[in-house]
Amino acid sequence: MITPLPTGSIQKICAGQVITDLPSCCKELIENSLDGSASFIRLRLRDGGKEEIEVEDDGVGVTKSDREAVCGKHTTSKLREFDDLYRDE
């Protein structure tokens, strides 16, 4: 289930989670596909990623019930609070 993080957690996390370059962006997109249990991932860059970055995979994607939440700011299915970053799965 995708839910918003508490404000305090957002402030602590955001400073270290800014994507600043194309390789970081591509890595994040590939990790998202792997999180969705993808066994096939295709990453396409148009004009070196300036025009478009497209990801195609065979992962499970976002559930219908989470589609609205996934578009919200600071939402995640992995964390409920900042300290979750330091817990073993």
C-alpha atoms as a PDB file:
ATOM      1  CA  MET A   1       0.000   0.000   0.000  1.00  0.00           C
ATOM      2  CA  ILE A   2       1.364   3.415  -0.963  1.00  0.00           C
ATOM      3  CA  THR A   3       1.045   6.134   1.674  1.00  0.00           C
ATOM      4  CA  PRO A   4       2.537   9.581   2.339  1.00  0.00           C
ATOM      5  CA  LEU A   5       5.505   9.836   4.676  1.00  0.00           C
ATOM      6  CA  PRO A   6       5.309  11.960   7.835  1.00  0.00           C
ATOM      7  CA  THR A   7       6.669  15.505   7.375  1.00  0.00           C
ATOM      8  CA  GLY A   8       9.633  14.950   9.702  1.00  0.00           C
ATOM      9  CA  SER A   9      10.730  11.912   7.711  1.00  0.00           C
ATOM     10  CA  ILE A  10      10.389  13.772   4.414  1.00  0.00           C
ATOM     11  CA  GLN A  11      12.697  16.538   5.573  1.00  0.00           C
ATOM     12  CA  LYS A  12      15.356  14.075   6.745  1.00  0.00           C
ATOM     13  CA  ILE A  13      15.249  11.973   3.576  1.00  0.00           C
ATOM     14  CA  CYS A  14      14.903  14.594   0.819  1.00  0.00           C
ATOM     15  CA  ALA A  15      18.383  16.068   1.181  1.00  0.00           C
ATOM     16  CA  GLY A  16      19.990  12.763   0.191  1.00  0.00           C
ATOM     17  CA  GLN A  17      17.495  11.620  -2.416  1.00  0.00           C
ATOM     18  CA  VAL A  18      17.774  14.262  -5.135  1.00  0.00           C
ATOM     19  CA  ILE A  19      18.398  12.850  -8.601  1.00  0.00           C
ATOM     20  CA  THR A  20      20.965  15.144 -10.204  1.00  0.00           C
ATOM     21  CA  ASP A  21      22.072  13.388 -13.383  1.00  0.00           C
ATOM     22  CA  LEU A  22      20.980  10.965 -16.094  1.00  0.00           C
ATOM     23  CA  PRO A  23      22.786   7.892 -14.720  1.00  0.00           C
ATOM     24  CA  SER A  24      21.112   8.395 -11.309  1.00  0.00           C
ATOM     25  CA  CYS A  25      17.736   8.775 -12.983  1.00  0.00           C
ATOM     26  CA  CYS A  26      18.207   5.595 -15.049  1.00  0.00           C
ATOM     27  CA  LYS A  27      19.400   3.676 -11.982  1.00  0.00           C
ATOM     28  CA  GLU A  28      16.300   4.772 -10.034  1.00  0.00           C
ATOM     29  CA  LEU A  29      13.961   3.742 -12.864  1.00  0.00           C
ATOM     30  CA  ILE A  30      15.629   0.329 -13.165  1.00  0.00           C
ATOM     31  CA  GLU A  31      15.401  -0.172  -9.385  1.00  0.00           C
ATOM     32  CA  ASN A  32      11.689   0.638  -9.591  1.00  0.00           C
ATOM     33  CA  SER A  33      11.255  -2.081 -12.218  1.00  0.00           C
ATOM     34  CA  LEU A  34      13.157  -4.568 -10.071  1.00  0.00           C
ATOM     35  CA  ASP A  35      11.003  -3.614  -7.072  1.00  0.00           C
ATOM     36  CA  GLY A  36       8.020  -4.560  -9.243  1.00  0.00           C
ATOM     37  CA  SER A  37       9.516  -8.050  -9.761  1.00  0.00           C
ATOM     38  CA  ALA A  38      10.476  -7.405 -13.393  1.00  0.00           C
ATOM     39  CA  SER A  39      12.614 -10.030 -15.117  1.00  0.00           C
ATOM     40  CA  PHE A  40      12.762  -8.010 -18.368  1.00  0.00           C
ATOM     41  CA  ILE A  41      13.648  -4.288 -18.440  1.00  0.00           C
ATOM     42  CA  ARG A  42      14.155  -2.106 -21.502  1.00  0.00           C
ATOM     43  CA  LEU A  43      15.332   1.473 -21.025  1.00  0.00           C
ATOM     44  CA  ARG A  44      15.145   3.791 -24.062  1.00  0.00           C
ATOM     45  CA  LEU A  45      16.627   7.257 -24.231  1.00  0.00           C
ATOM     46  CA  ARG A  46      15.581   9.702 -26.915  1.00  0.00           C
ATOM     47  CA  ASP A  47      18.186  12.361 -27.695  1.00  0.00           C
ATOM     48  CA  GLY A  48      20.421  11.042 -24.937  1.00  0.00           C
ATOM     49  CA  GLY A  49      17.580  11.303 -22.402  1.00  0.00           C
ATOM     50  CA  LYS A  50      16.940  15.011 -23.048  1.00  0.00           C
ATOM     51  CA  GLU A  51      13.756  14.392 -25.029  1.00  0.00           C
ATOM     52  CA  GLU A  52      12.434  11.248 -23.365  1.00  0.00           C
ATOM     53  CA  ILE A  53      13.273   8.387 -21.034  1.00  0.00           C
ATOM     54  CA  GLU A  54      11.066   5.333 -21.469  1.00  0.00           C
ATOM     55  CA  VAL A  55      11.031   2.194 -19.352  1.00  0.00           C
ATOM     56  CA  GLU A  56       9.350  -1.010 -20.429  1.00  0.00           C
ATOM     57  CA  ASP A  57       9.256  -4.007 -18.105  1.00  0.00           C
ATOM     58  CA  ASP A  58       7.261  -7.090 -17.236  1.00  0.00           C
ATOM     59  CA  GLY A  59       6.860  -6.208 -13.556  1.00  0.00           C
ATOM     60  CA  VAL A  60       3.619  -6.168 -11.637  1.00  0.00           C
ATOM     61  CA  GLY A  61       3.303  -2.393 -11.574  1.00  0.00           C
ATOM     62  CA  VAL A  62       1.077  -0.338  -9.328  1.00  0.00           C
ATOM     63  CA  THR A  63      -2.159  -1.822  -8.044  1.00  0.00           C
ATOM     64  CA  LYS A  64      -5.411  -0.177  -9.057  1.00  0.00           C
ATOM     65  CA  SER A  65      -6.074   0.905  -5.469  1.00  0.00           C
ATOM     66  CA  ASP A  66      -2.665   2.693  -5.291  1.00  0.00           C
ATOM     67  CA  ARG A  67      -2.825   4.545  -8.625  1.00  0.00           C
ATOM     68  CA  GLU A  68      -4.037   7.823  -7.159  1.00  0.00           C
ATOM     69  CA  ALA A  69      -1.631   7.702  -4.214  1.00  0.00           C
ATOM     70  CA  VAL A  70       1.421   6.999  -6.378  1.00  0.00           C
ATOM     71  CA  CYS A  71       1.080  10.462  -7.937  1.00  0.00           C
ATOM     72  CA  GLY A  72       1.167  12.224  -4.558  1.00  0.00           C
ATOM     73  CA  LYS A  73       4.199  13.989  -3.173  1.00  0.00           C
ATOM     74  CA  HIS A  74       6.489  12.002  -0.878  1.00  0.00           C
ATOM     75  CA  THR A  75       4.573   8.726  -1.139  1.00  0.00           C
ATOM     76  CA  THR A  76       6.112   5.282  -0.832  1.00  0.00           C
ATOM     77  CA  SER A  77       5.248   1.658  -0.221  1.00  0.00           C
ATOM     78  CA  LYS A  78       8.583   0.903   1.451  1.00  0.00           C
ATOM     79  CA  LEU A  79       8.767   3.270   4.410  1.00  0.00           C
ATOM     80  CA  ARG A  80       6.385   4.385   7.132  1.00  0.00           C
ATOM     81  CA  GLU A  81       8.901   6.560   9.014  1.00  0.00           C
ATOM     82  CA  PHE A  82      12.538   7.691   8.767  1.00  0.00           C
ATOM     83  CA  ASP A  83      13.929   4.904  10.969  1.00  0.00           C
ATOM     84  CA  ASP A  84      12.670   2.309   8.465  1.00  0.00           C
ATOM     85  CA  LEU A  85      15.746   3.210   6.384  1.00  0.00           C
ATOM     86  CA  TYR A  86      17.885   1.475   8.991  1.00  0.00           C
ATOM     87  CA  ARG A  87      15.817  -1.685   9.492  1.00  0.00           C
ATOM     88  CA  ASP A  88      16.667  -4.971   7.834  1.00  0.00           C
ATOM     89  CA  GLU A  89      13.944  -6.389   5.646  1.00  0.00           C
END
